Each structure stands twice: as structure tokens, then as C-alpha cells.
Amino acid sequence: MIVSARGVCAPLAASVTIPLVFLIVGILNAIVAFYIFMLVPEYFLRFIAFLLTRFAYRFTVHGGENIPIEGAAILICNHVALVDPVLLMAASPRPIHFIMNHHIFAMPVLG
């Protein structure tokens, strides 16, 4: 906290406006997020799933507390659409490994 306070005090002392400081911090956060997404692509996929489910589908999860925190679990969907894996990934708080028909993995986006 001390380092970040000093990091903000330096631009403010140089007559940088507060909105510009927020812009700089936002750009630095975006750079760090991009770096993490490149290291662990699953986080990027979960982020995209989060955005899709919050803005496009707006679904709610019932019984999410029944998903165990650790150990094995099997999540099964009825495949109403090809978007089921994205919805499952967004609904589950833990990483999911999918088993699907090989034709689905051959698709450009879902594969």
C-alpha cells in the first residue's frame, strides 16, 4: 500500500490530473491481465464466458452449492445448444475438463 501510494503521489506532484492517474492505472491493469491470460489461457476463456453469460444470456445457477470445492465431480448437460460448455464453464467455480464428440473439437471457436 505504501508503494502504491507513493506511485500515485509522484504523478500527482507533477500536476497530472486524477482521471489521468486512473487511466494509467487501468492501462497497467489491462497489461497485467493480458500477461496472465497469456500464461494461463483458461482464465481468458473463463473471462469470456463470464462476459457472455452476464450480458448475453443472464442465467442464474440453482444448486451451485452442491458442486464440491475439491475432489472429483461430473457435470452433465443435455446439450440444448453448442453454448452449453461456455455456460458450464461460467457457472462452475472450479476448472472443468470437457469430454465431447470429436466433431465439436474440430469446430474453429469451440475446439
N, C-alpha and C. Protein backbone atom coordinates (compact mmCIF):
# COMPACT_ATOMS: atom_id res chain seq x y z
N MET A 1 0.82 -1.18 0.00
CA MET A 1 0.00 0.00 0.00
C MET A 1 0.87 1.25 0.00
N ILE A 2 1.97 1.17 0.69
CA ILE A 2 2.86 2.33 0.72
C ILE A 2 3.47 2.58 -0.65
N VAL A 3 3.86 1.50 -1.32
CA VAL A 3 4.45 1.64 -2.65
C VAL A 3 3.42 2.21 -3.63
N SER A 4 2.18 1.73 -3.55
CA SER A 4 1.17 2.24 -4.47
C SER A 4 0.83 3.70 -4.15
N ALA A 5 0.82 4.07 -2.87
CA ALA A 5 0.55 5.46 -2.51
C ALA A 5 1.65 6.38 -3.04
N ARG A 6 2.89 5.94 -2.90
CA ARG A 6 3.99 6.74 -3.46
C ARG A 6 3.93 6.77 -4.99
N GLY A 7 3.51 5.66 -5.58
CA GLY A 7 3.38 5.61 -7.03
C GLY A 7 2.33 6.56 -7.55
N VAL A 8 1.31 6.84 -6.77
CA VAL A 8 0.27 7.79 -7.16
C VAL A 8 0.69 9.21 -6.81
N CYS A 9 1.42 9.38 -5.74
CA CYS A 9 1.85 10.73 -5.34
C CYS A 9 2.81 11.35 -6.35
N ALA A 10 3.64 10.55 -6.97
CA ALA A 10 4.61 11.08 -7.94
C ALA A 10 3.91 11.74 -9.13
N PRO A 11 2.94 11.09 -9.79
CA PRO A 11 2.26 11.79 -10.90
C PRO A 11 1.44 12.99 -10.42
N LEU A 12 0.80 12.87 -9.23
CA LEU A 12 0.01 14.00 -8.74
C LEU A 12 0.89 15.20 -8.44
N ALA A 13 2.12 14.96 -7.97
CA ALA A 13 3.04 16.06 -7.72
C ALA A 13 3.50 16.72 -9.01
N ALA A 14 3.44 15.96 -10.11
CA ALA A 14 3.84 16.50 -11.42
C ALA A 14 2.65 17.11 -12.15
N SER A 15 1.59 17.45 -11.42
CA SER A 15 0.40 18.12 -11.97
C SER A 15 -0.39 17.24 -12.94
N VAL A 16 -0.37 15.93 -12.73
CA VAL A 16 -1.20 15.03 -13.53
C VAL A 16 -2.57 14.97 -12.86
N THR A 17 -3.63 15.03 -13.65
CA THR A 17 -4.98 15.02 -13.08
C THR A 17 -5.35 13.63 -12.58
N ILE A 18 -6.30 13.59 -11.68
CA ILE A 18 -6.74 12.31 -11.10
C ILE A 18 -7.35 11.39 -12.17
N PRO A 19 -8.18 11.88 -13.09
CA PRO A 19 -8.67 10.98 -14.14
C PRO A 19 -7.55 10.35 -14.97
N LEU A 20 -6.49 11.12 -15.21
CA LEU A 20 -5.36 10.58 -15.97
C LEU A 20 -4.63 9.51 -15.15
N VAL A 21 -4.55 9.70 -13.83
CA VAL A 21 -3.94 8.67 -12.96
C VAL A 21 -4.77 7.39 -13.04
N PHE A 22 -6.11 7.52 -13.01
CA PHE A 22 -6.97 6.35 -13.13
C PHE A 22 -6.78 5.67 -14.49
N LEU A 23 -6.60 6.47 -15.55
CA LEU A 23 -6.37 5.91 -16.87
C LEU A 23 -5.06 5.12 -16.90
N ILE A 24 -4.02 5.66 -16.31
CA ILE A 24 -2.72 4.98 -16.27
C ILE A 24 -2.83 3.67 -15.49
N VAL A 25 -3.49 3.72 -14.34
CA VAL A 25 -3.66 2.50 -13.53
C VAL A 25 -4.50 1.46 -14.28
N GLY A 26 -5.53 1.92 -14.99
CA GLY A 26 -6.35 1.00 -15.78
C GLY A 26 -5.56 0.34 -16.90
N ILE A 27 -4.72 1.11 -17.58
CA ILE A 27 -3.88 0.55 -18.65
C ILE A 27 -2.88 -0.46 -18.08
N LEU A 28 -2.29 -0.14 -16.93
CA LEU A 28 -1.36 -1.08 -16.30
C LEU A 28 -2.08 -2.36 -15.88
N ASN A 29 -3.32 -2.25 -15.38
CA ASN A 29 -4.10 -3.44 -15.03
C ASN A 29 -4.41 -4.28 -16.27
N ALA A 30 -4.72 -3.62 -17.38
CA ALA A 30 -5.00 -4.35 -18.62
C ALA A 30 -3.77 -5.08 -19.11
N ILE A 31 -2.60 -4.48 -18.97
CA ILE A 31 -1.35 -5.15 -19.37
C ILE A 31 -1.09 -6.37 -18.51
N VAL A 32 -1.29 -6.24 -17.20
CA VAL A 32 -1.09 -7.39 -16.30
C VAL A 32 -2.11 -8.49 -16.61
N ALA A 33 -3.37 -8.12 -16.86
CA ALA A 33 -4.39 -9.11 -17.20
C ALA A 33 -4.04 -9.83 -18.49
N PHE A 34 -3.56 -9.10 -19.49
CA PHE A 34 -3.15 -9.72 -20.75
C PHE A 34 -2.00 -10.71 -20.52
N TYR A 35 -1.05 -10.34 -19.68
CA TYR A 35 0.08 -11.22 -19.37
C TYR A 35 -0.41 -12.50 -18.68
N ILE A 36 -1.33 -12.36 -17.74
CA ILE A 36 -1.85 -13.54 -17.05
C ILE A 36 -2.66 -14.40 -18.01
N PHE A 37 -3.44 -13.78 -18.88
CA PHE A 37 -4.21 -14.55 -19.86
C PHE A 37 -3.30 -15.31 -20.82
N MET A 38 -2.13 -14.76 -21.12
CA MET A 38 -1.19 -15.47 -21.99
C MET A 38 -0.54 -16.64 -21.25
N LEU A 39 -0.30 -16.48 -19.96
CA LEU A 39 0.29 -17.57 -19.17
C LEU A 39 -0.70 -18.71 -18.95
N VAL A 40 -1.94 -18.36 -18.63
CA VAL A 40 -2.97 -19.36 -18.33
C VAL A 40 -4.19 -19.06 -19.21
N PRO A 41 -4.28 -19.67 -20.39
CA PRO A 41 -5.38 -19.36 -21.31
C PRO A 41 -6.76 -19.70 -20.74
N GLU A 42 -6.81 -20.62 -19.78
CA GLU A 42 -8.11 -20.97 -19.20
C GLU A 42 -8.76 -19.76 -18.52
N TYR A 43 -7.96 -18.90 -17.91
CA TYR A 43 -8.51 -17.69 -17.28
C TYR A 43 -9.16 -16.79 -18.32
N PHE A 44 -8.55 -16.71 -19.51
CA PHE A 44 -9.13 -15.91 -20.57
C PHE A 44 -10.47 -16.49 -21.01
N LEU A 45 -10.52 -17.81 -21.17
CA LEU A 45 -11.78 -18.45 -21.57
C LEU A 45 -12.85 -18.26 -20.50
N ARG A 46 -12.47 -18.36 -19.23
CA ARG A 46 -13.43 -18.15 -18.16
C ARG A 46 -13.91 -16.69 -18.13
N PHE A 47 -13.02 -15.76 -18.45
CA PHE A 47 -13.40 -14.35 -18.51
C PHE A 47 -14.39 -14.10 -19.64
N ILE A 48 -14.13 -14.66 -20.80
CA ILE A 48 -15.04 -14.53 -21.94
C ILE A 48 -16.38 -15.16 -21.61
N ALA A 49 -16.35 -16.34 -20.97
CA ALA A 49 -17.60 -16.99 -20.56
C ALA A 49 -18.36 -16.12 -19.57
N PHE A 50 -17.64 -15.49 -18.65
CA PHE A 50 -18.28 -14.60 -17.68
C PHE A 50 -18.97 -13.44 -18.40
N LEU A 51 -18.28 -12.82 -19.36
CA LEU A 51 -18.87 -11.70 -20.08
C LEU A 51 -20.10 -12.14 -20.87
N LEU A 52 -20.01 -13.29 -21.56
CA LEU A 52 -21.14 -13.77 -22.35
C LEU A 52 -22.35 -14.07 -21.48
N THR A 53 -22.10 -14.71 -20.35
CA THR A 53 -23.23 -15.10 -19.51
C THR A 53 -23.84 -13.93 -18.77
N ARG A 54 -23.08 -12.89 -18.53
CA ARG A 54 -23.64 -11.74 -17.81
C ARG A 54 -24.37 -10.78 -18.76
N PHE A 55 -23.93 -10.69 -20.01
CA PHE A 55 -24.52 -9.72 -20.91
C PHE A 55 -25.43 -10.34 -21.97
N ALA A 56 -25.17 -11.56 -22.39
CA ALA A 56 -25.96 -12.16 -23.46
C ALA A 56 -27.05 -13.09 -22.93
N TYR A 57 -26.73 -13.93 -21.95
CA TYR A 57 -27.67 -14.95 -21.52
C TYR A 57 -28.37 -14.63 -20.21
N ARG A 58 -27.68 -14.03 -19.27
CA ARG A 58 -28.24 -13.66 -17.97
C ARG A 58 -28.94 -14.84 -17.30
N PHE A 59 -28.25 -15.92 -17.13
CA PHE A 59 -28.83 -17.09 -16.47
C PHE A 59 -28.48 -17.06 -14.99
N THR A 60 -29.21 -17.86 -14.22
CA THR A 60 -28.92 -18.00 -12.79
C THR A 60 -28.61 -19.46 -12.51
N VAL A 61 -27.78 -19.67 -11.52
CA VAL A 61 -27.37 -21.02 -11.13
C VAL A 61 -28.16 -21.43 -9.91
N HIS A 62 -28.83 -22.57 -10.00
CA HIS A 62 -29.54 -23.14 -8.86
C HIS A 62 -28.80 -24.40 -8.44
N GLY A 63 -28.48 -24.51 -7.17
CA GLY A 63 -27.79 -25.70 -6.67
C GLY A 63 -26.29 -25.64 -6.84
N GLY A 64 -25.73 -24.47 -7.06
CA GLY A 64 -24.29 -24.34 -7.21
C GLY A 64 -23.52 -24.75 -5.97
N GLU A 65 -24.17 -24.69 -4.82
CA GLU A 65 -23.51 -25.11 -3.59
C GLU A 65 -23.28 -26.62 -3.53
N ASN A 66 -23.92 -27.36 -4.42
CA ASN A 66 -23.74 -28.82 -4.46
C ASN A 66 -22.47 -29.23 -5.21
N ILE A 67 -21.84 -28.32 -5.91
CA ILE A 67 -20.58 -28.61 -6.60
C ILE A 67 -19.48 -28.63 -5.54
N PRO A 68 -18.80 -29.76 -5.37
CA PRO A 68 -17.77 -29.83 -4.33
C PRO A 68 -16.60 -28.90 -4.62
N ILE A 69 -15.99 -28.39 -3.56
CA ILE A 69 -14.85 -27.49 -3.70
C ILE A 69 -13.64 -28.24 -4.23
N GLU A 70 -13.44 -29.45 -3.79
CA GLU A 70 -12.31 -30.26 -4.26
C GLU A 70 -12.77 -31.69 -4.46
N GLY A 71 -11.97 -32.44 -5.16
CA GLY A 71 -12.32 -33.82 -5.47
C GLY A 71 -13.02 -33.91 -6.82
N ALA A 72 -13.37 -35.12 -7.17
CA ALA A 72 -13.98 -35.37 -8.48
C ALA A 72 -15.45 -35.00 -8.50
N ALA A 73 -15.89 -34.56 -9.64
CA ALA A 73 -17.31 -34.24 -9.86
C ALA A 73 -17.61 -34.40 -11.34
N ILE A 74 -18.81 -34.80 -11.64
CA ILE A 74 -19.24 -34.94 -13.03
C ILE A 74 -20.41 -33.98 -13.25
N LEU A 75 -20.24 -33.07 -14.19
CA LEU A 75 -21.30 -32.15 -14.57
C LEU A 75 -21.84 -32.59 -15.93
N ILE A 76 -23.13 -32.77 -16.02
CA ILE A 76 -23.73 -33.26 -17.25
C ILE A 76 -24.77 -32.26 -17.72
N CYS A 77 -24.72 -31.93 -19.00
CA CYS A 77 -25.74 -31.05 -19.56
C CYS A 77 -26.48 -31.80 -20.66
N ASN A 78 -27.65 -31.31 -21.01
CA ASN A 78 -28.47 -32.00 -22.01
C ASN A 78 -28.22 -31.52 -23.43
N HIS A 79 -27.21 -30.70 -23.65
CA HIS A 79 -26.79 -30.24 -24.98
C HIS A 79 -27.94 -29.62 -25.77
N VAL A 80 -28.59 -28.65 -25.17
CA VAL A 80 -29.63 -27.92 -25.88
C VAL A 80 -29.00 -27.12 -27.01
N ALA A 81 -27.80 -26.62 -26.80
CA ALA A 81 -27.11 -25.83 -27.82
C ALA A 81 -25.60 -26.05 -27.67
N LEU A 82 -24.85 -25.57 -28.63
CA LEU A 82 -23.40 -25.69 -28.55
C LEU A 82 -22.79 -24.72 -27.55
N VAL A 83 -23.61 -23.89 -26.94
CA VAL A 83 -23.11 -22.94 -25.96
C VAL A 83 -23.07 -23.54 -24.56
N ASP A 84 -23.54 -24.77 -24.39
CA ASP A 84 -23.54 -25.43 -23.08
C ASP A 84 -22.17 -25.46 -22.41
N PRO A 85 -21.09 -25.77 -23.12
CA PRO A 85 -19.78 -25.75 -22.44
C PRO A 85 -19.42 -24.38 -21.89
N VAL A 86 -19.76 -23.32 -22.61
CA VAL A 86 -19.46 -21.97 -22.15
C VAL A 86 -20.27 -21.66 -20.89
N LEU A 87 -21.53 -22.06 -20.88
CA LEU A 87 -22.37 -21.82 -19.72
C LEU A 87 -21.90 -22.63 -18.52
N LEU A 88 -21.51 -23.88 -18.75
CA LEU A 88 -20.98 -24.69 -17.64
C LEU A 88 -19.71 -24.09 -17.09
N MET A 89 -18.84 -23.62 -17.96
CA MET A 89 -17.58 -23.04 -17.52
C MET A 89 -17.83 -21.78 -16.69
N ALA A 90 -18.82 -21.00 -17.07
CA ALA A 90 -19.13 -19.78 -16.33
C ALA A 90 -19.84 -20.08 -15.02
N ALA A 91 -20.61 -21.15 -14.97
CA ALA A 91 -21.39 -21.46 -13.77
C ALA A 91 -20.57 -22.15 -12.70
N SER A 92 -19.51 -22.82 -13.08
CA SER A 92 -18.73 -23.58 -12.12
C SER A 92 -17.61 -22.73 -11.53
N PRO A 93 -17.44 -22.78 -10.22
CA PRO A 93 -16.34 -22.03 -9.63
C PRO A 93 -14.98 -22.71 -9.78
N ARG A 94 -14.95 -23.92 -10.28
CA ARG A 94 -13.69 -24.64 -10.43
C ARG A 94 -13.45 -24.99 -11.89
N PRO A 95 -12.21 -25.29 -12.23
CA PRO A 95 -11.89 -25.63 -13.63
C PRO A 95 -12.63 -26.89 -14.08
N ILE A 96 -12.99 -26.91 -15.34
CA ILE A 96 -13.72 -28.05 -15.91
C ILE A 96 -12.93 -28.58 -17.10
N HIS A 97 -12.85 -29.89 -17.20
CA HIS A 97 -12.26 -30.56 -18.35
C HIS A 97 -13.41 -31.24 -19.09
N PHE A 98 -13.52 -30.97 -20.37
CA PHE A 98 -14.67 -31.44 -21.14
C PHE A 98 -14.35 -32.72 -21.90
N ILE A 99 -15.34 -33.59 -21.97
CA ILE A 99 -15.30 -34.78 -22.82
C ILE A 99 -16.46 -34.62 -23.80
N MET A 100 -16.11 -34.52 -25.10
CA MET A 100 -17.13 -34.28 -26.11
C MET A 100 -16.84 -35.11 -27.34
N ASN A 101 -17.77 -35.08 -28.23
CA ASN A 101 -17.61 -35.69 -29.53
C ASN A 101 -16.48 -34.98 -30.28
N HIS A 102 -15.68 -35.72 -31.00
CA HIS A 102 -14.52 -35.13 -31.68
C HIS A 102 -14.91 -34.13 -32.75
N HIS A 103 -16.13 -34.19 -33.25
CA HIS A 103 -16.57 -33.22 -34.26
C HIS A 103 -16.71 -31.81 -33.65
N ILE A 104 -17.07 -31.74 -32.38
CA ILE A 104 -17.20 -30.44 -31.73
C ILE A 104 -15.81 -29.81 -31.55
N PHE A 105 -14.81 -30.64 -31.22
CA PHE A 105 -13.46 -30.11 -31.06
C PHE A 105 -12.86 -29.65 -32.38
N ALA A 106 -13.40 -30.12 -33.49
CA ALA A 106 -12.90 -29.71 -34.81
C ALA A 106 -13.45 -28.34 -35.23
N MET A 107 -14.44 -27.82 -34.52
CA MET A 107 -15.02 -26.53 -34.85
C MET A 107 -14.01 -25.41 -34.49
N PRO A 108 -13.95 -24.36 -35.27
CA PRO A 108 -12.92 -23.33 -35.07
C PRO A 108 -12.95 -22.66 -33.70
N VAL A 109 -14.08 -22.25 -33.19
CA VAL A 109 -14.13 -21.50 -31.93
C VAL A 109 -14.23 -22.44 -30.74
N LEU A 110 -15.13 -23.39 -30.80
CA LEU A 110 -15.36 -24.29 -29.67
C LEU A 110 -14.21 -25.27 -29.46
N GLY A 111 -13.50 -25.60 -30.51
CA GLY A 111 -12.39 -26.55 -30.39
C GLY A 111 -11.28 -26.01 -29.54
